[in-house]
Amino acid sequence: MVMMKEKWKEWEINSAYKAKKPLWIYFLGIFGIILIGITWFTYLYYGIQYGWILAGLISLTLVKIFTLLFNYDQFREFVQRALKDKRKMLHLNISVLVLAAGLICMGLFLY
């Protein structure tokens, strides 16, 4: 996102999140829900230490999955507003960076 700038914005609006809901959203939504179920099953069945943290974090993706599946137009409007506002883009990039750093630290120090 940082390196591609305008090309990224164009790709998101014109390719990834077209005006008509793309078919891939249904497949990816179902896959995501199955993956979350497998993650929780694995944690509960095998009792992996600190597995609940990872399962909980992965479960947060349900918000995006359900929004894409059931409120696609509102999600698309949100994406367009966020892409046009430099401040929102900065906040988004910082959030992704902090979350990624946190997950890397968890991988190094918890497991």
PDB file of N, CA and C in Angstrom:
ATOM      1  N   MET A   1       0.824  -1.193   0.000  1.00  0.00           N
ATOM      2  CA  MET A   1       0.000   0.000   0.000  1.00  0.00           C
ATOM      3  C   MET A   1       0.860   1.246   0.000  1.00  0.00           C
ATOM      4  N   VAL A   2       1.917   1.229   0.789  1.00  0.00           N
ATOM      5  CA  VAL A   2       2.778   2.406   0.896  1.00  0.00           C
ATOM      6  C   VAL A   2       3.557   2.613  -0.398  1.00  0.00           C
ATOM      7  N   MET A   3       4.064   1.535  -0.963  1.00  0.00           N
ATOM      8  CA  MET A   3       4.924   1.653  -2.128  1.00  0.00           C
ATOM      9  C   MET A   3       4.134   1.900  -3.424  1.00  0.00           C
ATOM     10  N   MET A   4       2.977   1.288  -3.558  1.00  0.00           N
ATOM     11  CA  MET A   4       2.216   1.403  -4.802  1.00  0.00           C
ATOM     12  C   MET A   4       1.362   2.669  -4.869  1.00  0.00           C
ATOM     13  N   LYS A   5       1.010   3.226  -3.734  1.00  0.00           N
ATOM     14  CA  LYS A   5       0.214   4.446  -3.598  1.00  0.00           C
ATOM     15  C   LYS A   5      -1.028   4.455  -4.492  1.00  0.00           C
ATOM     16  N   GLU A   6      -1.043   5.290  -5.526  1.00  0.00           N
ATOM     17  CA  GLU A   6      -2.235   5.457  -6.360  1.00  0.00           C
ATOM     18  C   GLU A   6      -2.626   4.172  -7.093  1.00  0.00           C
ATOM     19  N   LYS A   7      -1.646   3.395  -7.508  1.00  0.00           N
ATOM     20  CA  LYS A   7      -1.953   2.144  -8.192  1.00  0.00           C
ATOM     21  C   LYS A   7      -2.702   1.187  -7.253  1.00  0.00           C
ATOM     22  N   TRP A   8      -2.319   1.203  -5.974  1.00  0.00           N
ATOM     23  CA  TRP A   8      -3.005   0.367  -4.988  1.00  0.00           C
ATOM     24  C   TRP A   8      -4.453   0.800  -4.855  1.00  0.00           C
ATOM     25  N   LYS A   9      -4.661   2.084  -4.754  1.00  0.00           N
ATOM     26  CA  LYS A   9      -6.026   2.609  -4.606  1.00  0.00           C
ATOM     27  C   LYS A   9      -6.881   2.218  -5.804  1.00  0.00           C
ATOM     28  N   GLU A  10      -6.352   2.391  -6.996  1.00  0.00           N
ATOM     29  CA  GLU A  10      -7.088   2.027  -8.211  1.00  0.00           C
ATOM     30  C   GLU A  10      -7.403   0.536  -8.234  1.00  0.00           C
ATOM     31  N   TRP A  11      -6.418  -0.281  -7.861  1.00  0.00           N
ATOM     32  CA  TRP A  11      -6.629  -1.723  -7.864  1.00  0.00           C
ATOM     33  C   TRP A  11      -7.738  -2.108  -6.888  1.00  0.00           C
ATOM     34  N   GLU A  12      -7.706  -1.547  -5.679  1.00  0.00           N
ATOM     35  CA  GLU A  12      -8.723  -1.893  -4.681  1.00  0.00           C
ATOM     36  C   GLU A  12     -10.116  -1.526  -5.148  1.00  0.00           C
ATOM     37  N   ILE A  13     -10.276  -0.319  -5.657  1.00  0.00           N
ATOM     38  CA  ILE A  13     -11.609   0.155  -6.035  1.00  0.00           C
ATOM     39  C   ILE A  13     -12.094  -0.502  -7.324  1.00  0.00           C
ATOM     40  N   ASN A  14     -11.227  -0.659  -8.305  1.00  0.00           N
ATOM     41  CA  ASN A  14     -11.655  -1.139  -9.625  1.00  0.00           C
ATOM     42  C   ASN A  14     -11.544  -2.655  -9.806  1.00  0.00           C
ATOM     43  N   SER A  15     -10.713  -3.320  -9.032  1.00  0.00           N
ATOM     44  CA  SER A  15     -10.533  -4.762  -9.218  1.00  0.00           C
ATOM     45  C   SER A  15     -11.001  -5.576  -8.017  1.00  0.00           C
ATOM     46  N   ALA A  16     -10.466  -5.280  -6.846  1.00  0.00           N
ATOM     47  CA  ALA A  16     -10.780  -6.093  -5.672  1.00  0.00           C
ATOM     48  C   ALA A  16     -12.223  -5.883  -5.206  1.00  0.00           C
ATOM     49  N   TYR A  17     -12.649  -4.641  -5.110  1.00  0.00           N
ATOM     50  CA  TYR A  17     -13.989  -4.327  -4.601  1.00  0.00           C
ATOM     51  C   TYR A  17     -14.780  -3.578  -5.660  1.00  0.00           C
ATOM     52  N   LYS A  18     -15.168  -4.288  -6.702  1.00  0.00           N
ATOM     53  CA  LYS A  18     -15.953  -3.713  -7.796  1.00  0.00           C
ATOM     54  C   LYS A  18     -17.337  -3.314  -7.296  1.00  0.00           C
ATOM     55  N   ALA A  19     -18.036  -2.520  -8.096  1.00  0.00           N
ATOM     56  CA  ALA A  19     -19.376  -2.071  -7.720  1.00  0.00           C
ATOM     57  C   ALA A  19     -20.303  -3.269  -7.490  1.00  0.00           C
ATOM     58  N   LYS A  20     -20.220  -4.266  -8.363  1.00  0.00           N
ATOM     59  CA  LYS A  20     -21.001  -5.489  -8.171  1.00  0.00           C
ATOM     60  C   LYS A  20     -20.155  -6.458  -7.341  1.00  0.00           C
ATOM     61  N   LYS A  21     -20.766  -7.047  -6.328  1.00  0.00           N
ATOM     62  CA  LYS A  21     -20.027  -7.939  -5.424  1.00  0.00           C
ATOM     63  C   LYS A  21     -19.402  -9.100  -6.209  1.00  0.00           C
ATOM     64  N   PRO A  22     -18.063  -9.223  -6.142  1.00  0.00           N
ATOM     65  CA  PRO A  22     -17.396 -10.313  -6.860  1.00  0.00           C
ATOM     66  C   PRO A  22     -17.709 -11.675  -6.243  1.00  0.00           C
ATOM     67  N   LEU A  23     -17.679 -12.692  -7.070  1.00  0.00           N
ATOM     68  CA  LEU A  23     -17.972 -14.050  -6.641  1.00  0.00           C
ATOM     69  C   LEU A  23     -16.941 -14.580  -5.650  1.00  0.00           C
ATOM     70  N   TRP A  24     -15.694 -14.110  -5.754  1.00  0.00           N
ATOM     71  CA  TRP A  24     -14.633 -14.619  -4.886  1.00  0.00           C
ATOM     72  C   TRP A  24     -14.915 -14.354  -3.416  1.00  0.00           C
ATOM     73  N   ILE A  25     -15.728 -13.360  -3.133  1.00  0.00           N
ATOM     74  CA  ILE A  25     -16.030 -13.014  -1.737  1.00  0.00           C
ATOM     75  C   ILE A  25     -16.757 -14.164  -1.043  1.00  0.00           C
ATOM     76  N   TYR A  26     -17.651 -14.829  -1.753  1.00  0.00           N
ATOM     77  CA  TYR A  26     -18.378 -15.947  -1.147  1.00  0.00           C
ATOM     78  C   TYR A  26     -17.437 -17.108  -0.832  1.00  0.00           C
ATOM     79  N   PHE A  27     -16.583 -17.438  -1.788  1.00  0.00           N
ATOM     80  CA  PHE A  27     -15.640 -18.541  -1.572  1.00  0.00           C
ATOM     81  C   PHE A  27     -14.666 -18.226  -0.439  1.00  0.00           C
ATOM     82  N   LEU A  28     -14.138 -17.021  -0.450  1.00  0.00           N
ATOM     83  CA  LEU A  28     -13.195 -16.627   0.585  1.00  0.00           C
ATOM     84  C   LEU A  28     -13.868 -16.533   1.949  1.00  0.00           C
ATOM     85  N   GLY A  29     -15.115 -16.081   1.979  1.00  0.00           N
ATOM     86  CA  GLY A  29     -15.849 -16.019   3.239  1.00  0.00           C
ATOM     87  C   GLY A  29     -16.062 -17.390   3.844  1.00  0.00           C
ATOM     88  N   ILE A  30     -16.479 -18.342   3.023  1.00  0.00           N
ATOM     89  CA  ILE A  30     -16.679 -19.715   3.499  1.00  0.00           C
ATOM     90  C   ILE A  30     -15.348 -20.312   3.956  1.00  0.00           C
ATOM     91  N   PHE A  31     -14.301 -20.112   3.167  1.00  0.00           N
ATOM     92  CA  PHE A  31     -12.979 -20.605   3.540  1.00  0.00           C
ATOM     93  C   PHE A  31     -12.525 -20.004   4.871  1.00  0.00           C
ATOM     94  N   GLY A  32     -12.742 -18.703   5.061  1.00  0.00           N
ATOM     95  CA  GLY A  32     -12.350 -18.032   6.302  1.00  0.00           C
ATOM     96  C   GLY A  32     -13.082 -18.587   7.510  1.00  0.00           C
ATOM     97  N   ILE A  33     -14.378 -18.813   7.365  1.00  0.00           N
ATOM     98  CA  ILE A  33     -15.167 -19.360   8.471  1.00  0.00           C
ATOM     99  C   ILE A  33     -14.694 -20.773   8.819  1.00  0.00           C
ATOM    100  N   ILE A  34     -14.410 -21.579   7.808  1.00  0.00           N
ATOM    101  CA  ILE A  34     -13.891 -22.931   8.048  1.00  0.00           C
ATOM    102  C   ILE A  34     -12.531 -22.860   8.748  1.00  0.00           C
ATOM    103  N   LEU A  35     -11.671 -21.966   8.299  1.00  0.00           N
ATOM    104  CA  LEU A  35     -10.348 -21.817   8.906  1.00  0.00           C
ATOM    105  C   LEU A  35     -10.440 -21.396  10.378  1.00  0.00           C
ATOM    106  N   ILE A  36     -11.362 -20.508  10.679  1.00  0.00           N
ATOM    107  CA  ILE A  36     -11.558 -20.086  12.072  1.00  0.00           C
ATOM    108  C   ILE A  36     -12.059 -21.271  12.907  1.00  0.00           C
ATOM    109  N   GLY A  37     -12.983 -22.053  12.347  1.00  0.00           N
ATOM    110  CA  GLY A  37     -13.476 -23.236  13.055  1.00  0.00           C
ATOM    111  C   GLY A  37     -12.373 -24.245  13.322  1.00  0.00           C
ATOM    112  N   ILE A  38     -11.528 -24.481  12.329  1.00  0.00           N
ATOM    113  CA  ILE A  38     -10.408 -25.413  12.501  1.00  0.00           C
ATOM    114  C   ILE A  38      -9.440 -24.905  13.563  1.00  0.00           C
ATOM    115  N   THR A  39      -9.205 -23.592  13.579  1.00  0.00           N
ATOM    116  CA  THR A  39      -8.299 -23.011  14.567  1.00  0.00           C
ATOM    117  C   THR A  39      -8.823 -23.233  15.982  1.00  0.00           C
ATOM    118  N   TRP A  40     -10.109 -22.978  16.195  1.00  0.00           N
ATOM    119  CA  TRP A  40     -10.685 -23.184  17.528  1.00  0.00           C
ATOM    120  C   TRP A  40     -10.712 -24.665  17.897  1.00  0.00           C
ATOM    121  N   PHE A  41     -11.054 -25.510  16.938  1.00  0.00           N
ATOM    122  CA  PHE A  41     -11.061 -26.949  17.207  1.00  0.00           C
ATOM    123  C   PHE A  41      -9.668 -27.413  17.627  1.00  0.00           C
ATOM    124  N   THR A  42      -8.648 -26.969  16.892  1.00  0.00           N
ATOM    125  CA  THR A  42      -7.275 -27.374  17.199  1.00  0.00           C
ATOM    126  C   THR A  42      -6.884 -26.917  18.599  1.00  0.00           C
ATOM    127  N   TYR A  43      -7.228 -25.687  18.938  1.00  0.00           N
ATOM    128  CA  TYR A  43      -6.901 -25.194  20.281  1.00  0.00           C
ATOM    129  C   TYR A  43      -7.627 -26.008  21.347  1.00  0.00           C
ATOM    130  N   LEU A  44      -8.925 -26.227  21.163  1.00  0.00           N
ATOM    131  CA  LEU A  44      -9.707 -26.932  22.178  1.00  0.00           C
ATOM    132  C   LEU A  44      -9.331 -28.415  22.271  1.00  0.00           C
ATOM    133  N   TYR A  45      -9.062 -29.049  21.154  1.00  0.00           N
ATOM    134  CA  TYR A  45      -8.762 -30.482  21.145  1.00  0.00           C
ATOM    135  C   TYR A  45      -7.346 -30.777  21.643  1.00  0.00           C
ATOM    136  N   TYR A  46      -6.378 -29.995  21.177  1.00  0.00           N
ATOM    137  CA  TYR A  46      -4.978 -30.262  21.531  1.00  0.00           C
ATOM    138  C   TYR A  46      -4.489 -29.445  22.721  1.00  0.00           C
ATOM    139  N   GLY A  47      -5.247 -28.451  23.140  1.00  0.00           N
ATOM    140  CA  GLY A  47      -4.883 -27.662  24.315  1.00  0.00           C
ATOM    141  C   GLY A  47      -3.548 -26.934  24.167  1.00  0.00           C
ATOM    142  N   ILE A  48      -3.315 -26.362  23.017  1.00  0.00           N
ATOM    143  CA  ILE A  48      -2.059 -25.671  22.754  1.00  0.00           C
ATOM    144  C   ILE A  48      -1.946 -24.450  23.668  1.00  0.00           C
ATOM    145  N   GLN A  49      -0.795 -24.341  24.350  1.00  0.00           N
ATOM    146  CA  GLN A  49      -0.586 -23.233  25.264  1.00  0.00           C
ATOM    147  C   GLN A  49      -0.653 -21.918  24.495  1.00  0.00           C
ATOM    148  N   TYR A  50      -1.385 -20.967  25.020  1.00  0.00           N
ATOM    149  CA  TYR A  50      -1.607 -19.648  24.411  1.00  0.00           C
ATOM    150  C   TYR A  50      -2.331 -19.729  23.072  1.00  0.00           C
ATOM    151  N   GLY A  51      -2.883 -20.858  22.741  1.00  0.00           N
ATOM    152  CA  GLY A  51      -3.612 -21.007  21.485  1.00  0.00           C
ATOM    153  C   GLY A  51      -4.862 -20.156  21.430  1.00  0.00           C
ATOM    154  N   TRP A  52      -5.422 -19.868  22.581  1.00  0.00           N
ATOM    155  CA  TRP A  52      -6.618 -19.046  22.623  1.00  0.00           C
ATOM    156  C   TRP A  52      -6.341 -17.634  22.115  1.00  0.00           C
ATOM    157  N   ILE A  53      -5.106 -17.155  22.292  1.00  0.00           N
ATOM    158  CA  ILE A  53      -4.768 -15.815  21.805  1.00  0.00           C
ATOM    159  C   ILE A  53      -4.838 -15.785  20.286  1.00  0.00           C
ATOM    160  N   LEU A  54      -4.206 -16.754  19.662  1.00  0.00           N
ATOM    161  CA  LEU A  54      -4.210 -16.825  18.206  1.00  0.00           C
ATOM    162  C   LEU A  54      -5.624 -17.068  17.675  1.00  0.00           C
ATOM    163  N   ALA A  55      -6.360 -17.967  18.313  1.00  0.00           N
ATOM    164  CA  ALA A  55      -7.732 -18.250  17.882  1.00  0.00           C
ATOM    165  C   ALA A  55      -8.605 -17.001  18.020  1.00  0.00           C
ATOM    166  N   GLY A  56      -8.411 -16.268  19.091  1.00  0.00           N
ATOM    167  CA  GLY A  56      -9.175 -15.029  19.280  1.00  0.00           C
ATOM    168  C   GLY A  56      -8.847 -13.981  18.232  1.00  0.00           C
ATOM    169  N   LEU A  57      -7.568 -13.820  17.946  1.00  0.00           N
ATOM    170  CA  LEU A  57      -7.159 -12.856  16.926  1.00  0.00           C
ATOM    171  C   LEU A  57      -7.692 -13.239  15.545  1.00  0.00           C
ATOM    172  N   ILE A  58      -7.611 -14.510  15.229  1.00  0.00           N
ATOM    173  CA  ILE A  58      -8.132 -14.961  13.937  1.00  0.00           C
ATOM    174  C   ILE A  58      -9.645 -14.783  13.883  1.00  0.00           C
ATOM    175  N   SER A  59     -10.314 -14.956  15.006  1.00  0.00           N
ATOM    176  CA  SER A  59     -11.766 -14.783  15.043  1.00  0.00           C
ATOM    177  C   SER A  59     -12.190 -13.353  14.740  1.00  0.00           C
ATOM    178  N   LEU A  60     -11.317 -12.400  14.966  1.00  0.00           N
ATOM    179  CA  LEU A  60     -11.643 -11.013  14.649  1.00  0.00           C
ATOM    180  C   LEU A  60     -11.872 -10.810  13.150  1.00  0.00           C
ATOM    181  N   THR A  61     -11.351 -11.694  12.335  1.00  0.00           N
ATOM    182  CA  THR A  61     -11.585 -11.572  10.896  1.00  0.00           C
ATOM    183  C   THR A  61     -13.039 -11.833  10.531  1.00  0.00           C
ATOM    184  N   LEU A  62     -13.805 -12.413  11.457  1.00  0.00           N
ATOM    185  CA  LEU A  62     -15.236 -12.611  11.203  1.00  0.00           C
ATOM    186  C   LEU A  62     -15.941 -11.283  10.951  1.00  0.00           C
ATOM    187  N   VAL A  63     -15.470 -10.231  11.579  1.00  0.00           N
ATOM    188  CA  VAL A  63     -16.077  -8.915  11.364  1.00  0.00           C
ATOM    189  C   VAL A  63     -15.992  -8.550   9.884  1.00  0.00           C
ATOM    190  N   LYS A  64     -14.804  -8.692   9.305  1.00  0.00           N
ATOM    191  CA  LYS A  64     -14.644  -8.362   7.891  1.00  0.00           C
ATOM    192  C   LYS A  64     -15.389  -9.359   7.006  1.00  0.00           C
ATOM    193  N   ILE A  65     -15.322 -10.630   7.333  1.00  0.00           N
ATOM    194  CA  ILE A  65     -16.007 -11.645   6.524  1.00  0.00           C
ATOM    195  C   ILE A  65     -17.502 -11.357   6.466  1.00  0.00           C
ATOM    196  N   PHE A  66     -18.123 -11.136   7.625  1.00  0.00           N
ATOM    197  CA  PHE A  66     -19.563 -10.889   7.649  1.00  0.00           C
ATOM    198  C   PHE A  66     -19.919  -9.554   6.995  1.00  0.00           C
ATOM    199  N   THR A  67     -19.058  -8.567   7.149  1.00  0.00           N
ATOM    200  CA  THR A  67     -19.314  -7.283   6.498  1.00  0.00           C
ATOM    201  C   THR A  67     -19.270  -7.447   4.982  1.00  0.00           C
ATOM    202  N   LEU A  68     -18.269  -8.161   4.487  1.00  0.00           N
ATOM    203  CA  LEU A  68     -18.180  -8.390   3.045  1.00  0.00           C
ATOM    204  C   LEU A  68     -19.376  -9.192   2.531  1.00  0.00           C
ATOM    205  N   LEU A  69     -19.788 -10.199   3.273  1.00  0.00           N
ATOM    206  CA  LEU A  69     -20.883 -11.048   2.823  1.00  0.00           C
ATOM    207  C   LEU A  69     -22.241 -10.365   2.900  1.00  0.00           C
ATOM    208  N   PHE A  70     -22.494  -9.603   3.966  1.00  0.00           N
ATOM    209  CA  PHE A  70     -23.832  -9.087   4.203  1.00  0.00           C
ATOM    210  C   PHE A  70     -23.982  -7.567   4.034  1.00  0.00           C
ATOM    211  N   ASN A  71     -22.894  -6.824   4.062  1.00  0.00           N
ATOM    212  CA  ASN A  71     -22.952  -5.357   3.910  1.00  0.00           C
ATOM    213  C   ASN A  71     -21.888  -4.881   2.931  1.00  0.00           C
ATOM    214  N   TYR A  72     -21.837  -5.509   1.781  1.00  0.00           N
ATOM    215  CA  TYR A  72     -20.773  -5.243   0.818  1.00  0.00           C
ATOM    216  C   TYR A  72     -20.738  -3.783   0.378  1.00  0.00           C
ATOM    217  N   ASP A  73     -21.893  -3.201   0.075  1.00  0.00           N
ATOM    218  CA  ASP A  73     -21.918  -1.818  -0.408  1.00  0.00           C
ATOM    219  C   ASP A  73     -21.387  -0.841   0.631  1.00  0.00           C
ATOM    220  N   GLN A  74     -21.751  -1.050   1.892  1.00  0.00           N
ATOM    221  CA  GLN A  74     -21.249  -0.181   2.958  1.00  0.00           C
ATOM    222  C   GLN A  74     -19.748  -0.366   3.141  1.00  0.00           C
ATOM    223  N   PHE A  75     -19.258  -1.599   3.026  1.00  0.00           N
ATOM    224  CA  PHE A  75     -17.825  -1.846   3.133  1.00  0.00           C
ATOM    225  C   PHE A  75     -17.087  -1.150   1.999  1.00  0.00           C
ATOM    226  N   ARG A  76     -17.629  -1.224   0.796  1.00  0.00           N
ATOM    227  CA  ARG A  76     -17.003  -0.595  -0.363  1.00  0.00           C
ATOM    228  C   ARG A  76     -16.940   0.930  -0.184  1.00  0.00           C
ATOM    229  N   GLU A  77     -18.009   1.511   0.348  1.00  0.00           N
ATOM    230  CA  GLU A  77     -17.994   2.953   0.628  1.00  0.00           C
ATOM    231  C   GLU A  77     -16.918   3.295   1.660  1.00  0.00           C
ATOM    232  N   PHE A  78     -16.795   2.462   2.691  1.00  0.00           N
ATOM    233  CA  PHE A  78     -15.761   2.674   3.704  1.00  0.00           C
ATOM    234  C   PHE A  78     -14.371   2.639   3.071  1.00  0.00           C
ATOM    235  N   VAL A  79     -14.134   1.659   2.200  1.00  0.00           N
ATOM    236  CA  VAL A  79     -12.834   1.534   1.532  1.00  0.00           C
ATOM    237  C   VAL A  79     -12.551   2.776   0.705  1.00  0.00           C
ATOM    238  N   GLN A  80     -13.533   3.237  -0.031  1.00  0.00           N
ATOM    239  CA  GLN A  80     -13.337   4.425  -0.868  1.00  0.00           C
ATOM    240  C   GLN A  80     -13.021   5.652  -0.019  1.00  0.00           C
ATOM    241  N   ARG A  81     -13.746   5.822   1.084  1.00  0.00           N
ATOM    242  CA  ARG A  81     -13.472   6.971   1.969  1.00  0.00           C
ATOM    243  C   ARG A  81     -12.077   6.875   2.573  1.00  0.00           C
ATOM    244  N   ALA A  82     -11.716   5.683   3.007  1.00  0.00           N
ATOM    245  CA  ALA A  82     -10.402   5.495   3.641  1.00  0.00           C
ATOM    246  C   ALA A  82      -9.276   5.733   2.649  1.00  0.00           C
ATOM    247  N   LEU A  83      -9.448   5.297   1.428  1.00  0.00           N
ATOM    248  CA  LEU A  83      -8.400   5.460   0.422  1.00  0.00           C
ATOM    249  C   LEU A  83      -8.209   6.914   0.004  1.00  0.00           C
ATOM    250  N   LYS A  84      -9.253   7.701   0.112  1.00  0.00           N
ATOM    251  CA  LYS A  84      -9.163   9.115  -0.285  1.00  0.00           C
ATOM    252  C   LYS A  84      -8.610  10.006   0.819  1.00  0.00           C
ATOM    253  N   ASP A  85      -8.667   9.549   2.055  1.00  0.00           N
ATOM    254  CA  ASP A  85      -8.231  10.351   3.198  1.00  0.00           C
ATOM    255  C   ASP A  85      -6.819   9.917   3.621  1.00  0.00           C
ATOM    256  N   LYS A  86      -5.846  10.801   3.453  1.00  0.00           N
ATOM    257  CA  LYS A  86      -4.452  10.460   3.772  1.00  0.00           C
ATOM    258  C   LYS A  86      -4.271  10.125   5.245  1.00  0.00           C
ATOM    259  N   ARG A  87      -5.007  10.798   6.097  1.00  0.00           N
ATOM    260  CA  ARG A  87      -4.881  10.538   7.538  1.00  0.00           C
ATOM    261  C   ARG A  87      -5.378   9.134   7.894  1.00  0.00           C
ATOM    262  N   LYS A  88      -6.508   8.751   7.312  1.00  0.00           N
ATOM    263  CA  LYS A  88      -7.033   7.407   7.560  1.00  0.00           C
ATOM    264  C   LYS A  88      -6.080   6.345   7.024  1.00  0.00           C
ATOM    265  N   MET A  89      -5.485   6.609   5.871  1.00  0.00           N
ATOM    266  CA  MET A  89      -4.520   5.664   5.304  1.00  0.00           C
ATOM    267  C   MET A  89      -3.301   5.531   6.207  1.00  0.00           C
ATOM    268  N   LEU A  90      -2.846   6.648   6.772  1.00  0.00           N
ATOM    269  CA  LEU A  90      -1.717   6.605   7.692  1.00  0.00           C
ATOM    270  C   LEU A  90      -2.058   5.767   8.914  1.00  0.00           C
ATOM    271  N   HIS A  91      -3.244   5.982   9.479  1.00  0.00           N
ATOM    272  CA  HIS A  91      -3.683   5.205  10.637  1.00  0.00           C
ATOM    273  C   HIS A  91      -3.787   3.721  10.292  1.00  0.00           C
ATOM    274  N   LEU A  92      -4.305   3.418   9.111  1.00  0.00           N
ATOM    275  CA  LEU A  92      -4.425   2.027   8.689  1.00  0.00           C
ATOM    276  C   LEU A  92      -3.053   1.374   8.551  1.00  0.00           C
ATOM    277  N   ASN A  93      -2.121   2.065   7.923  1.00  0.00           N
ATOM    278  CA  ASN A  93      -0.775   1.516   7.736  1.00  0.00           C
ATOM    279  C   ASN A  93      -0.061   1.318   9.070  1.00  0.00           C
ATOM    280  N   ILE A  94      -0.211   2.264   9.980  1.00  0.00           N
ATOM    281  CA  ILE A  94       0.402   2.137  11.302  1.00  0.00           C
ATOM    282  C   ILE A  94      -0.220   0.969  12.064  1.00  0.00           C
ATOM    283  N   SER A  95      -1.539   0.821  11.978  1.00  0.00           N
ATOM    284  CA  SER A  95      -2.225  -0.287  12.658  1.00  0.00           C
ATOM    285  C   SER A  95      -1.735  -1.634  12.144  1.00  0.00           C
ATOM    286  N   VAL A  96      -1.600  -1.763  10.835  1.00  0.00           N
ATOM    287  CA  VAL A  96      -1.120  -3.007  10.253  1.00  0.00           C
ATOM    288  C   VAL A  96       0.306  -3.286  10.705  1.00  0.00           C
ATOM    289  N   LEU A  97       1.130  -2.260  10.735  1.00  0.00           N
ATOM    290  CA  LEU A  97       2.522  -2.418  11.158  1.00  0.00           C
ATOM    291  C   LEU A  97       2.614  -2.868  12.617  1.00  0.00           C
ATOM    292  N   VAL A  98       1.840  -2.251  13.490  1.00  0.00           N
ATOM    293  CA  VAL A  98       1.848  -2.601  14.911  1.00  0.00           C
ATOM    294  C   VAL A  98       1.323  -4.023  15.117  1.00  0.00           C
ATOM    295  N   LEU A  99       0.237  -4.376  14.430  1.00  0.00           N
ATOM    296  CA  LEU A  99      -0.312  -5.724  14.560  1.00  0.00           C
ATOM    297  C   LEU A  99       0.686  -6.761  14.057  1.00  0.00           C
ATOM    298  N   ALA A 100       1.314  -6.497  12.931  1.00  0.00           N
ATOM    299  CA  ALA A 100       2.304  -7.434  12.389  1.00  0.00           C
ATOM    300  C   ALA A 100       3.481  -7.596  13.351  1.00  0.00           C
ATOM    301  N   ALA A 101       3.958  -6.505  13.918  1.00  0.00           N
ATOM    302  CA  ALA A 101       5.067  -6.581  14.873  1.00  0.00           C
ATOM    303  C   ALA A 101       4.660  -7.386  16.105  1.00  0.00           C
ATOM    304  N   GLY A 102       3.421  -7.178  16.567  1.00  0.00           N
ATOM    305  CA  GLY A 102       2.925  -7.936  17.713  1.00  0.00           C
ATOM    306  C   GLY A 102       2.842  -9.422  17.429  1.00  0.00           C
ATOM    307  N   LEU A 103       2.361  -9.779  16.252  1.00  0.00           N
ATOM    308  CA  LEU A 103       2.264 -11.193  15.896  1.00  0.00           C
ATOM    309  C   LEU A 103       3.639 -11.825  15.749  1.00  0.00           C
ATOM    310  N   ILE A 104       4.595 -11.092  15.203  1.00  0.00           N
ATOM    311  CA  ILE A 104       5.966 -11.607  15.087  1.00  0.00           C
ATOM    312  C   ILE A 104       6.549 -11.820  16.477  1.00  0.00           C
ATOM    313  N   CYS A 105       6.341 -10.883  17.371  1.00  0.00           N
ATOM    314  CA  CYS A 105       6.829 -11.027  18.755  1.00  0.00           C
ATOM    315  C   CYS A 105       6.185 -12.231  19.440  1.00  0.00           C
ATOM    316  N   MET A 106       4.887 -12.423  19.220  1.00  0.00           N
ATOM    317  CA  MET A 106       4.218 -13.592  19.792  1.00  0.00           C
ATOM    318  C   MET A 106       4.853 -14.873  19.275  1.00  0.00           C
ATOM    319  N   GLY A 107       5.109 -14.899  17.972  1.00  0.00           N
ATOM    320  CA  GLY A 107       5.740 -16.085  17.387  1.00  0.00           C
ATOM    321  C   GLY A 107       7.109 -16.358  17.968  1.00  0.00           C
ATOM    322  N   LEU A 108       7.867 -15.317  18.233  1.00  0.00           N
ATOM    323  CA  LEU A 108       9.220 -15.484  18.759  1.00  0.00           C
ATOM    324  C   LEU A 108       9.256 -15.816  20.246  1.00  0.00           C
ATOM    325  N   PHE A 109       8.388 -15.168  21.035  1.00  0.00           N
ATOM    326  CA  PHE A 109       8.490 -15.286  22.488  1.00  0.00           C
ATOM    327  C   PHE A 109       7.477 -16.225  23.144  1.00  0.00           C
ATOM    328  N   LEU A 110       6.325 -16.449  22.508  1.00  0.00           N
ATOM    329  CA  LEU A 110       5.342 -17.341  23.123  1.00  0.00           C
ATOM    330  C   LEU A 110       5.479 -18.774  22.634  1.00  0.00           C
ATOM    331  N   TYR A 111       5.893 -18.948  21.404  1.00  0.00           N
ATOM    332  CA  TYR A 111       5.954 -20.302  20.841  1.00  0.00           C
ATOM    333  C   TYR A 111       7.380 -20.625  20.586  1.00  0.00           C
TER     334      TYR A 111
END
